[in-house]
Amino acid sequence: MQEIQILLYENKDEKYAQFQRKLIPGIAPETIIGVRTPILKKIAKQIVKEDSGETFLDGCPHELFEENQIHGFIISDMKNFERCICELEKFLPYINNWATCDQTSPKVFKKHKDELLPYIRKWLGSEHTYTVRFAIGMLMQHYLEDDFSRNISSWCQV
């Protein structure tokens, strides 16, 4: 994982880091080095392409905000629903900010809405703030239009 951190530091933007630190006040400022999202997505694809994704995904907890972003992007691009869920369930407890939570958005969920619902229901019951936020985000993303159901929307009532 050292080589990924080196790559991240090579692409850091201090002004962008300062901006991000203001937007994400709940995490340690020194963990945000300021690498822009398009670069992080490119690194995520490179990690998967080089087949070092397994090692990276097993590296939680990560030290840097940007490593968590990459982790979320790798999960978001997984094509296999079961593997995606497995990796996501391992990662959700480590999400510690709104940005990583909101940018982790698996594309494979669009094709597996029925299978996704039990997981969303479970995540809504979590004690972890960002797991609940992720579940609500998935409901909003996948169940507000054609698949809307008052029954599902009632899951979010307190």
Protein backbone atom coordinates (compact mmCIF):
# COMPACT_ATOMS: atom_id res chain seq x y z
CA MET A 1 0.00 0.00 0.00
CA GLN A 2 3.04 2.21 0.31
CA GLU A 3 3.16 2.68 -3.48
CA ILE A 4 -0.45 3.93 -3.49
CA GLN A 5 0.32 6.50 -0.82
CA ILE A 6 3.36 7.63 -2.81
CA LEU A 7 1.14 8.01 -5.87
CA LEU A 8 -1.40 9.98 -3.85
CA TYR A 9 1.23 12.35 -2.47
CA GLU A 10 2.58 12.87 -5.99
CA ASN A 11 -0.91 14.07 -7.00
CA LYS A 12 -1.74 16.19 -3.97
CA ASP A 13 -3.06 19.70 -4.30
CA GLU A 14 -2.63 21.68 -1.08
CA LYS A 15 -5.23 24.33 -1.94
CA TYR A 16 -7.75 21.61 -2.70
CA ALA A 17 -6.83 19.87 0.57
CA GLN A 18 -7.53 23.07 2.50
CA PHE A 19 -10.89 23.38 0.75
CA GLN A 20 -11.80 19.75 1.50
CA ARG A 21 -10.80 20.03 5.15
CA LYS A 22 -13.42 22.76 5.55
CA LEU A 23 -16.08 20.59 3.92
CA ILE A 24 -15.29 17.49 5.97
CA PRO A 25 -14.63 18.80 9.49
CA GLY A 26 -15.34 15.53 11.29
CA ILE A 27 -12.11 13.78 10.32
CA ALA A 28 -8.50 14.55 11.16
CA PRO A 29 -7.30 17.28 8.77
CA GLU A 30 -3.90 15.64 8.29
CA THR A 31 -5.60 12.61 6.69
CA ILE A 32 -6.81 14.76 3.77
CA ILE A 33 -4.01 15.46 1.30
CA GLY A 34 -6.10 16.94 -1.50
CA VAL A 35 -6.20 14.59 -4.47
CA ARG A 36 -9.03 15.38 -6.86
CA THR A 37 -11.77 12.83 -7.58
CA PRO A 38 -10.93 12.15 -11.27
CA ILE A 39 -7.39 11.22 -10.25
CA LEU A 40 -8.69 8.99 -7.45
CA LYS A 41 -11.02 7.20 -9.87
CA LYS A 42 -8.13 6.68 -12.27
CA ILE A 43 -6.00 5.23 -9.46
CA ALA A 44 -8.88 2.93 -8.43
CA LYS A 45 -9.13 1.57 -11.97
CA GLN A 46 -5.36 1.14 -12.10
CA ILE A 47 -5.39 -0.82 -8.83
CA VAL A 48 -8.06 -3.18 -10.16
CA LYS A 49 -6.30 -3.52 -13.53
CA GLU A 50 -3.01 -4.41 -11.85
CA ASP A 51 -4.86 -7.02 -9.79
CA SER A 52 -3.75 -5.50 -6.49
CA GLY A 53 -7.34 -4.65 -5.61
CA GLU A 54 -7.69 -7.61 -3.26
CA THR A 55 -4.73 -6.49 -1.17
CA PHE A 56 -5.95 -2.89 -1.14
CA LEU A 57 -9.49 -3.87 -0.12
CA ASP A 58 -8.09 -5.90 2.77
CA GLY A 59 -6.16 -2.85 4.01
CA CYS A 60 -8.81 -1.31 6.26
CA PRO A 61 -8.57 0.85 8.15
CA HIS A 62 -6.85 3.12 5.68
CA GLU A 63 -4.75 6.04 6.87
CA LEU A 64 -5.84 8.65 4.33
CA PHE A 65 -9.20 10.05 3.30
CA GLU A 66 -8.20 9.52 -0.33
CA GLU A 67 -7.53 5.82 0.28
CA ASN A 68 -11.09 5.47 1.57
CA GLN A 69 -12.34 7.26 -1.53
CA ILE A 70 -10.43 4.83 -3.74
CA HIS A 71 -11.83 1.92 -1.74
CA GLY A 72 -15.36 3.19 -2.34
CA PHE A 73 -14.70 3.68 -6.05
CA ILE A 74 -13.37 0.13 -6.42
CA ILE A 75 -16.50 -1.27 -4.75
CA SER A 76 -18.71 1.00 -6.87
CA ASP A 77 -17.30 -0.50 -10.07
CA MET A 78 -17.68 -4.16 -9.09
CA LYS A 79 -19.78 -6.14 -11.53
CA ASN A 80 -20.64 -9.10 -9.29
CA PHE A 81 -23.47 -8.29 -6.87
CA GLU A 82 -22.54 -10.84 -4.19
CA ARG A 83 -18.88 -9.81 -4.14
CA CYS A 84 -19.86 -6.15 -4.09
CA ILE A 85 -22.14 -6.69 -1.07
CA CYS A 86 -19.43 -8.69 0.72
CA GLU A 87 -16.81 -5.98 0.20
CA LEU A 88 -19.26 -3.22 1.01
CA GLU A 89 -20.29 -4.82 4.29
CA LYS A 90 -16.63 -5.03 5.30
CA PHE A 91 -16.06 -1.38 4.31
CA LEU A 92 -19.18 0.36 5.69
CA PRO A 93 -17.99 0.38 9.33
CA TYR A 94 -14.85 2.26 8.25
CA ILE A 95 -16.65 5.06 6.43
CA ASN A 96 -16.19 8.12 8.62
CA ASN A 97 -17.43 11.04 6.52
CA TRP A 98 -20.23 12.11 4.21
CA ALA A 99 -18.04 12.36 1.09
CA THR A 100 -16.87 8.75 1.10
CA CYS A 101 -20.37 7.62 2.02
CA ASP A 102 -22.05 9.53 -0.78
CA GLN A 103 -19.48 8.73 -3.46
CA THR A 104 -19.64 4.99 -2.79
CA SER A 105 -22.43 4.00 -5.14
CA PRO A 106 -22.27 0.52 -6.66
CA LYS A 107 -23.52 0.47 -10.24
CA VAL A 108 -24.40 -3.22 -10.02
CA PHE A 109 -27.26 -2.38 -7.63
CA LYS A 110 -29.36 -1.10 -10.55
CA LYS A 111 -29.73 -4.67 -11.80
CA HIS A 112 -30.32 -6.26 -8.38
CA LYS A 113 -32.92 -4.09 -6.68
CA ASP A 114 -34.91 -6.97 -5.18
CA GLU A 115 -31.77 -8.60 -3.74
CA LEU A 116 -30.56 -5.23 -2.40
CA LEU A 117 -33.62 -4.47 -0.25
CA PRO A 118 -32.84 -6.84 2.65
CA TYR A 119 -29.36 -5.31 2.94
CA ILE A 120 -30.76 -1.79 2.92
CA ARG A 121 -33.19 -2.73 5.66
CA LYS A 122 -30.35 -4.19 7.72
CA TRP A 123 -28.14 -1.11 7.16
CA LEU A 124 -30.97 1.20 8.24
CA GLY A 125 -30.88 -0.52 11.63
CA SER A 126 -27.17 0.06 12.11
CA GLU A 127 -25.76 2.07 15.01
CA HIS A 128 -23.14 3.49 12.62
CA THR A 129 -24.20 6.87 11.24
CA TYR A 130 -22.65 6.47 7.81
CA THR A 131 -24.03 2.97 7.31
CA VAL A 132 -27.52 4.41 7.85
CA ARG A 133 -26.72 7.35 5.56
CA PHE A 134 -25.52 4.91 2.89
CA ALA A 135 -28.76 2.90 3.16
CA ILE A 136 -30.88 6.04 2.82
CA GLY A 137 -28.77 7.10 -0.16
CA MET A 138 -29.38 3.75 -1.85
CA LEU A 139 -33.12 4.07 -1.22
CA MET A 140 -33.11 7.54 -2.75
CA GLN A 141 -31.03 6.43 -5.72
CA HIS A 142 -32.87 3.23 -6.57
CA TYR A 143 -36.40 3.37 -5.16
CA LEU A 144 -37.86 6.85 -5.66
CA GLU A 145 -39.12 6.44 -9.21
CA ASP A 146 -40.52 3.29 -10.83
CA ASP A 147 -39.71 1.13 -7.82
CA PHE A 148 -41.17 3.54 -5.24
CA SER A 149 -43.21 1.96 -2.49
CA ARG A 150 -44.79 3.60 0.55
CA ASN A 151 -43.88 0.46 2.47
CA ILE A 152 -40.19 0.96 1.69
CA SER A 153 -40.30 4.68 2.46
CA SER A 154 -41.78 3.90 5.89
CA TRP A 155 -38.52 2.14 6.80
CA CYS A 156 -36.92 5.55 7.31
CA GLN A 157 -39.48 6.91 9.75
CA VAL A 158 -38.25 7.46 13.27
